[in-house]
Amino acid sequence: MDKKYIGITVIIIFVIAGIFFIKSKTGNVVRDPEIKEFTVKAFKFGYTPDIITVNKGDKVKIKIQNTDVPHGVRIPSLNLKNNSQIEFTADKTGEFDWYCAVYCGEGHMKMKGKLIVK
């Protein structure tokens, strides 16, 4: 092989390795493109976003970010509940209401959102 091609190949390898090194140092880690990830802010007495749409078969991760007091998410019809993060595969189509998983005050019963699986 020609020395010119070996040199170019080595340079390309170093550039690619450098990109991954810089991304890992800055915290911009490459995420699994297979997982649909959402961050839901929970507050007295609501969520933002309060509607999440995914496709049947999607792997889903919902991170719950409590902004004032402990909340959480429970989706009774899918038997899911957690105060910090929910992970699941969307295997049923439909619209699924979610509710606050932790009593958080007088408006607790009005806190809800919706997961739509197409």
N, C-alpha and C. Protein backbone atom coordinates (compact mmCIF):
# COMPACT_ATOMS: atom_id res chain seq x y z
N MET A 1 0.84 -1.17 0.00
CA MET A 1 0.00 0.00 0.00
C MET A 1 0.88 1.24 0.00
N ASP A 2 0.46 2.24 -0.68
CA ASP A 2 1.20 3.48 -0.82
C ASP A 2 1.25 4.22 0.52
N LYS A 3 2.38 4.82 0.85
CA LYS A 3 2.53 5.56 2.11
C LYS A 3 1.52 6.69 2.21
N LYS A 4 1.15 7.29 1.08
CA LYS A 4 0.17 8.38 1.06
C LYS A 4 -1.18 7.89 1.60
N TYR A 5 -1.62 6.72 1.17
CA TYR A 5 -2.91 6.16 1.61
C TYR A 5 -2.87 5.76 3.07
N ILE A 6 -1.74 5.23 3.51
CA ILE A 6 -1.59 4.87 4.92
C ILE A 6 -1.68 6.13 5.78
N GLY A 7 -1.03 7.18 5.37
CA GLY A 7 -1.08 8.44 6.12
C GLY A 7 -2.49 9.01 6.20
N ILE A 8 -3.21 8.98 5.09
CA ILE A 8 -4.59 9.49 5.07
C ILE A 8 -5.48 8.63 5.97
N THR A 9 -5.31 7.33 5.92
CA THR A 9 -6.10 6.42 6.76
C THR A 9 -5.85 6.70 8.24
N VAL A 10 -4.59 6.89 8.61
CA VAL A 10 -4.25 7.18 10.01
C VAL A 10 -4.88 8.49 10.46
N ILE A 11 -4.84 9.50 9.61
CA ILE A 11 -5.43 10.80 9.94
C ILE A 11 -6.94 10.65 10.15
N ILE A 12 -7.60 9.93 9.28
CA ILE A 12 -9.05 9.72 9.41
C ILE A 12 -9.39 9.01 10.71
N ILE A 13 -8.63 8.00 11.06
CA ILE A 13 -8.86 7.27 12.32
C ILE A 13 -8.70 8.20 13.51
N PHE A 14 -7.66 9.04 13.52
CA PHE A 14 -7.45 9.98 14.63
C PHE A 14 -8.58 11.00 14.72
N VAL A 15 -9.07 11.49 13.61
CA VAL A 15 -10.17 12.46 13.62
C VAL A 15 -11.43 11.83 14.21
N ILE A 16 -11.75 10.63 13.77
CA ILE A 16 -12.95 9.95 14.29
C ILE A 16 -12.80 9.67 15.78
N ALA A 17 -11.65 9.18 16.20
CA ALA A 17 -11.41 8.91 17.62
C ALA A 17 -11.49 10.20 18.43
N GLY A 18 -10.97 11.28 17.90
CA GLY A 18 -11.02 12.57 18.58
C GLY A 18 -12.44 13.07 18.78
N ILE A 19 -13.27 12.89 17.78
CA ILE A 19 -14.68 13.31 17.90
C ILE A 19 -15.36 12.55 19.04
N PHE A 20 -15.18 11.23 19.09
CA PHE A 20 -15.80 10.46 20.16
C PHE A 20 -15.23 10.83 21.53
N PHE A 21 -13.93 11.10 21.61
CA PHE A 21 -13.31 11.49 22.87
C PHE A 21 -13.88 12.82 23.35
N ILE A 22 -13.98 13.80 22.47
CA ILE A 22 -14.52 15.12 22.83
C ILE A 22 -15.97 14.98 23.26
N LYS A 23 -16.77 14.22 22.55
CA LYS A 23 -18.19 14.06 22.92
C LYS A 23 -18.32 13.42 24.29
N SER A 24 -17.49 12.43 24.59
CA SER A 24 -17.61 11.78 25.90
C SER A 24 -17.16 12.72 27.01
N LYS A 25 -16.19 13.60 26.76
CA LYS A 25 -15.72 14.55 27.77
C LYS A 25 -16.74 15.66 28.01
N THR A 26 -17.50 16.05 27.00
CA THR A 26 -18.47 17.15 27.15
C THR A 26 -19.82 16.64 27.61
N GLY A 27 -19.98 15.32 27.74
CA GLY A 27 -21.25 14.78 28.18
C GLY A 27 -22.24 14.56 27.06
N ASN A 28 -21.88 14.88 25.84
CA ASN A 28 -22.77 14.66 24.70
C ASN A 28 -22.57 13.24 24.19
N VAL A 29 -22.97 12.29 25.00
CA VAL A 29 -22.79 10.90 24.64
C VAL A 29 -23.82 10.52 23.58
N VAL A 30 -23.39 9.74 22.63
CA VAL A 30 -24.30 9.30 21.59
C VAL A 30 -25.36 8.40 22.23
N ARG A 31 -26.64 8.76 22.05
CA ARG A 31 -27.73 7.99 22.65
C ARG A 31 -28.18 6.90 21.70
N ASP A 32 -28.84 5.91 22.27
CA ASP A 32 -29.38 4.82 21.48
C ASP A 32 -30.52 5.36 20.62
N PRO A 33 -30.36 5.36 19.30
CA PRO A 33 -31.41 5.91 18.43
C PRO A 33 -32.68 5.06 18.46
N GLU A 34 -32.59 3.88 19.03
CA GLU A 34 -33.75 3.00 19.12
C GLU A 34 -34.72 3.44 20.22
N ILE A 35 -34.26 4.24 21.19
CA ILE A 35 -35.09 4.64 22.33
C ILE A 35 -35.64 6.04 22.11
N LYS A 36 -36.96 6.18 22.24
CA LYS A 36 -37.60 7.50 22.18
C LYS A 36 -37.59 8.04 23.61
N GLU A 37 -36.82 9.10 23.83
CA GLU A 37 -36.64 9.62 25.18
C GLU A 37 -37.35 10.96 25.34
N PHE A 38 -38.08 11.11 26.45
CA PHE A 38 -38.82 12.32 26.75
C PHE A 38 -38.53 12.75 28.18
N THR A 39 -38.48 14.05 28.40
CA THR A 39 -38.42 14.58 29.76
C THR A 39 -39.72 15.32 30.02
N VAL A 40 -40.41 14.91 31.07
CA VAL A 40 -41.69 15.51 31.43
C VAL A 40 -41.49 16.26 32.74
N LYS A 41 -41.77 17.58 32.72
CA LYS A 41 -41.70 18.37 33.94
C LYS A 41 -43.02 18.23 34.68
N ALA A 42 -42.92 17.86 35.96
CA ALA A 42 -44.11 17.70 36.81
C ALA A 42 -44.12 18.82 37.84
N PHE A 43 -45.26 19.47 37.98
CA PHE A 43 -45.40 20.61 38.89
C PHE A 43 -46.83 20.64 39.41
N LYS A 44 -47.06 21.41 40.47
CA LYS A 44 -48.43 21.56 40.99
C LYS A 44 -49.25 22.33 39.99
N PHE A 45 -50.19 21.93 39.33
CA PHE A 45 -50.80 20.62 39.27
C PHE A 45 -50.91 20.26 37.81
N GLY A 46 -49.78 19.95 37.18
CA GLY A 46 -49.77 19.61 35.77
C GLY A 46 -48.44 19.04 35.31
N TYR A 47 -48.37 18.84 34.01
CA TYR A 47 -47.17 18.31 33.36
C TYR A 47 -46.89 19.11 32.09
N THR A 48 -45.62 19.18 31.72
CA THR A 48 -45.28 19.73 30.42
C THR A 48 -44.14 18.93 29.83
N PRO A 49 -44.26 18.32 28.68
CA PRO A 49 -45.50 18.25 27.91
C PRO A 49 -46.51 17.34 28.61
N ASP A 50 -47.77 17.54 28.30
CA ASP A 50 -48.80 16.69 28.90
C ASP A 50 -49.36 15.67 27.90
N ILE A 51 -48.82 15.69 26.68
CA ILE A 51 -49.16 14.68 25.68
C ILE A 51 -47.87 14.20 25.01
N ILE A 52 -47.69 12.90 24.98
CA ILE A 52 -46.54 12.28 24.31
C ILE A 52 -47.09 11.31 23.27
N THR A 53 -46.54 11.38 22.06
CA THR A 53 -46.97 10.49 20.98
C THR A 53 -45.80 9.64 20.52
N VAL A 54 -46.02 8.33 20.45
CA VAL A 54 -45.01 7.38 19.97
C VAL A 54 -45.69 6.40 19.02
N ASN A 55 -44.89 5.55 18.40
CA ASN A 55 -45.41 4.52 17.52
C ASN A 55 -45.38 3.17 18.20
N LYS A 56 -46.31 2.32 17.82
CA LYS A 56 -46.32 0.96 18.36
C LYS A 56 -44.98 0.31 18.04
N GLY A 57 -44.41 -0.34 19.03
CA GLY A 57 -43.12 -0.99 18.88
C GLY A 57 -41.95 -0.15 19.36
N ASP A 58 -42.18 1.16 19.57
CA ASP A 58 -41.10 2.03 20.05
C ASP A 58 -40.69 1.65 21.46
N LYS A 59 -39.38 1.73 21.71
CA LYS A 59 -38.86 1.65 23.08
C LYS A 59 -38.93 3.07 23.61
N VAL A 60 -39.53 3.26 24.78
CA VAL A 60 -39.81 4.59 25.30
C VAL A 60 -39.19 4.76 26.68
N LYS A 61 -38.58 5.93 26.89
CA LYS A 61 -38.07 6.30 28.22
C LYS A 61 -38.66 7.66 28.54
N ILE A 62 -39.39 7.75 29.65
CA ILE A 62 -39.95 9.01 30.11
C ILE A 62 -39.26 9.36 31.43
N LYS A 63 -38.50 10.46 31.40
CA LYS A 63 -37.85 10.94 32.61
C LYS A 63 -38.77 11.98 33.25
N ILE A 64 -39.03 11.84 34.54
CA ILE A 64 -39.91 12.75 35.25
C ILE A 64 -39.05 13.73 36.04
N GLN A 65 -39.22 15.00 35.73
CA GLN A 65 -38.45 16.06 36.39
C GLN A 65 -39.41 16.82 37.30
N ASN A 66 -39.34 16.53 38.61
CA ASN A 66 -40.19 17.22 39.58
C ASN A 66 -39.64 18.61 39.83
N THR A 67 -40.48 19.63 39.66
CA THR A 67 -40.00 21.00 39.78
C THR A 67 -40.32 21.65 41.12
N ASP A 68 -41.22 21.07 41.91
CA ASP A 68 -41.54 21.69 43.20
C ASP A 68 -41.59 20.66 44.33
N VAL A 69 -42.55 19.76 44.28
CA VAL A 69 -42.66 18.70 45.29
C VAL A 69 -42.62 17.36 44.55
N PRO A 70 -42.45 16.25 45.27
CA PRO A 70 -42.46 14.95 44.59
C PRO A 70 -43.78 14.69 43.87
N HIS A 71 -43.66 14.22 42.64
CA HIS A 71 -44.82 13.83 41.84
C HIS A 71 -44.54 12.43 41.31
N GLY A 72 -44.66 12.22 40.05
CA GLY A 72 -44.43 10.93 39.43
C GLY A 72 -45.45 10.73 38.33
N VAL A 73 -45.39 9.58 37.71
CA VAL A 73 -46.32 9.23 36.64
C VAL A 73 -46.78 7.80 36.85
N ARG A 74 -48.08 7.60 36.73
CA ARG A 74 -48.62 6.24 36.71
C ARG A 74 -49.59 6.15 35.54
N ILE A 75 -49.45 5.09 34.77
CA ILE A 75 -50.33 4.83 33.64
C ILE A 75 -51.02 3.50 33.96
N PRO A 76 -52.17 3.57 34.63
CA PRO A 76 -52.81 2.35 35.13
C PRO A 76 -53.10 1.31 34.05
N SER A 77 -53.56 1.74 32.88
CA SER A 77 -53.95 0.77 31.84
C SER A 77 -52.75 0.04 31.25
N LEU A 78 -51.53 0.54 31.49
CA LEU A 78 -50.32 -0.15 31.03
C LEU A 78 -49.52 -0.72 32.21
N ASN A 79 -50.08 -0.56 33.41
CA ASN A 79 -49.44 -1.06 34.63
C ASN A 79 -48.03 -0.48 34.82
N LEU A 80 -47.90 0.83 34.59
CA LEU A 80 -46.62 1.53 34.74
C LEU A 80 -46.72 2.58 35.83
N LYS A 81 -45.67 2.70 36.63
CA LYS A 81 -45.66 3.71 37.70
C LYS A 81 -44.24 3.93 38.16
N ASN A 82 -43.85 5.22 38.31
CA ASN A 82 -42.55 5.54 38.89
C ASN A 82 -42.51 7.03 39.17
N ASN A 83 -41.61 7.42 40.06
CA ASN A 83 -41.47 8.83 40.43
C ASN A 83 -40.32 9.52 39.71
N SER A 84 -39.46 8.76 39.03
CA SER A 84 -38.30 9.38 38.40
C SER A 84 -38.16 9.03 36.91
N GLN A 85 -38.49 7.78 36.55
CA GLN A 85 -38.29 7.37 35.16
C GLN A 85 -39.11 6.12 34.86
N ILE A 86 -39.69 6.10 33.66
CA ILE A 86 -40.45 4.94 33.21
C ILE A 86 -39.85 4.48 31.88
N GLU A 87 -39.59 3.20 31.74
CA GLU A 87 -39.10 2.64 30.49
C GLU A 87 -40.00 1.46 30.11
N PHE A 88 -40.38 1.42 28.83
CA PHE A 88 -41.25 0.35 28.36
C PHE A 88 -41.21 0.30 26.84
N THR A 89 -41.76 -0.78 26.29
CA THR A 89 -41.96 -0.89 24.86
C THR A 89 -43.45 -0.68 24.60
N ALA A 90 -43.77 0.23 23.70
CA ALA A 90 -45.17 0.54 23.39
C ALA A 90 -45.73 -0.59 22.53
N ASP A 91 -46.40 -1.53 23.18
CA ASP A 91 -46.88 -2.70 22.44
C ASP A 91 -48.38 -2.69 22.19
N LYS A 92 -49.09 -1.65 22.66
CA LYS A 92 -50.53 -1.51 22.42
C LYS A 92 -50.80 -0.15 21.81
N THR A 93 -51.65 -0.10 20.80
CA THR A 93 -52.05 1.20 20.25
C THR A 93 -53.21 1.74 21.08
N GLY A 94 -53.33 3.06 21.09
CA GLY A 94 -54.43 3.69 21.80
C GLY A 94 -53.99 4.95 22.51
N GLU A 95 -54.91 5.50 23.29
CA GLU A 95 -54.63 6.68 24.10
C GLU A 95 -54.72 6.26 25.56
N PHE A 96 -53.66 6.57 26.31
CA PHE A 96 -53.55 6.12 27.69
C PHE A 96 -53.33 7.33 28.59
N ASP A 97 -54.26 7.57 29.49
CA ASP A 97 -54.12 8.69 30.44
C ASP A 97 -53.10 8.32 31.49
N TRP A 98 -52.33 9.35 31.90
CA TRP A 98 -51.45 9.15 33.05
C TRP A 98 -51.83 10.15 34.13
N TYR A 99 -51.45 9.79 35.35
CA TYR A 99 -51.82 10.57 36.53
C TYR A 99 -50.61 10.71 37.43
N CYS A 100 -50.71 11.63 38.38
CA CYS A 100 -49.63 11.82 39.36
C CYS A 100 -49.57 10.59 40.26
N ALA A 101 -48.37 10.13 40.53
CA ALA A 101 -48.17 8.92 41.32
C ALA A 101 -47.98 9.20 42.81
N VAL A 102 -47.86 10.48 43.20
CA VAL A 102 -47.60 10.84 44.59
C VAL A 102 -48.57 11.96 44.97
N TYR A 103 -49.29 11.78 46.09
CA TYR A 103 -50.21 12.84 46.50
C TYR A 103 -49.42 14.14 46.70
N CYS A 104 -49.88 15.21 46.04
CA CYS A 104 -49.09 16.45 46.04
C CYS A 104 -49.91 17.69 46.41
N GLY A 105 -51.12 17.49 46.91
CA GLY A 105 -51.93 18.63 47.33
C GLY A 105 -53.35 18.53 46.78
N GLU A 106 -54.11 19.61 47.00
CA GLU A 106 -55.53 19.60 46.65
C GLU A 106 -55.80 19.39 45.16
N GLY A 107 -54.92 19.81 44.29
CA GLY A 107 -55.11 19.65 42.85
C GLY A 107 -54.59 18.32 42.31
N HIS A 108 -54.16 17.45 43.19
CA HIS A 108 -53.56 16.17 42.79
C HIS A 108 -54.44 15.38 41.82
N MET A 109 -55.72 15.31 42.10
CA MET A 109 -56.64 14.50 41.29
C MET A 109 -56.83 15.07 39.88
N LYS A 110 -56.47 16.34 39.68
CA LYS A 110 -56.63 16.96 38.36
C LYS A 110 -55.38 16.83 37.50
N MET A 111 -54.29 16.35 38.09
CA MET A 111 -53.03 16.20 37.34
C MET A 111 -53.11 15.01 36.42
N LYS A 112 -53.04 15.27 35.11
CA LYS A 112 -53.02 14.14 34.20
C LYS A 112 -52.37 14.54 32.88
N GLY A 113 -51.97 13.52 32.15
CA GLY A 113 -51.41 13.68 30.83
C GLY A 113 -51.88 12.53 29.97
N LYS A 114 -51.32 12.44 28.77
CA LYS A 114 -51.78 11.41 27.85
C LYS A 114 -50.62 10.87 27.03
N LEU A 115 -50.57 9.55 26.92
CA LEU A 115 -49.65 8.86 26.05
C LEU A 115 -50.46 8.34 24.86
N ILE A 116 -50.06 8.73 23.66
CA ILE A 116 -50.72 8.25 22.45
C ILE A 116 -49.77 7.31 21.73
N VAL A 117 -50.23 6.09 21.48
CA VAL A 117 -49.44 5.11 20.74
C VAL A 117 -50.16 4.85 19.43
N LYS A 118 -49.50 5.22 18.32
CA LYS A 118 -50.10 5.05 16.98
C LYS A 118 -49.76 3.69 16.40
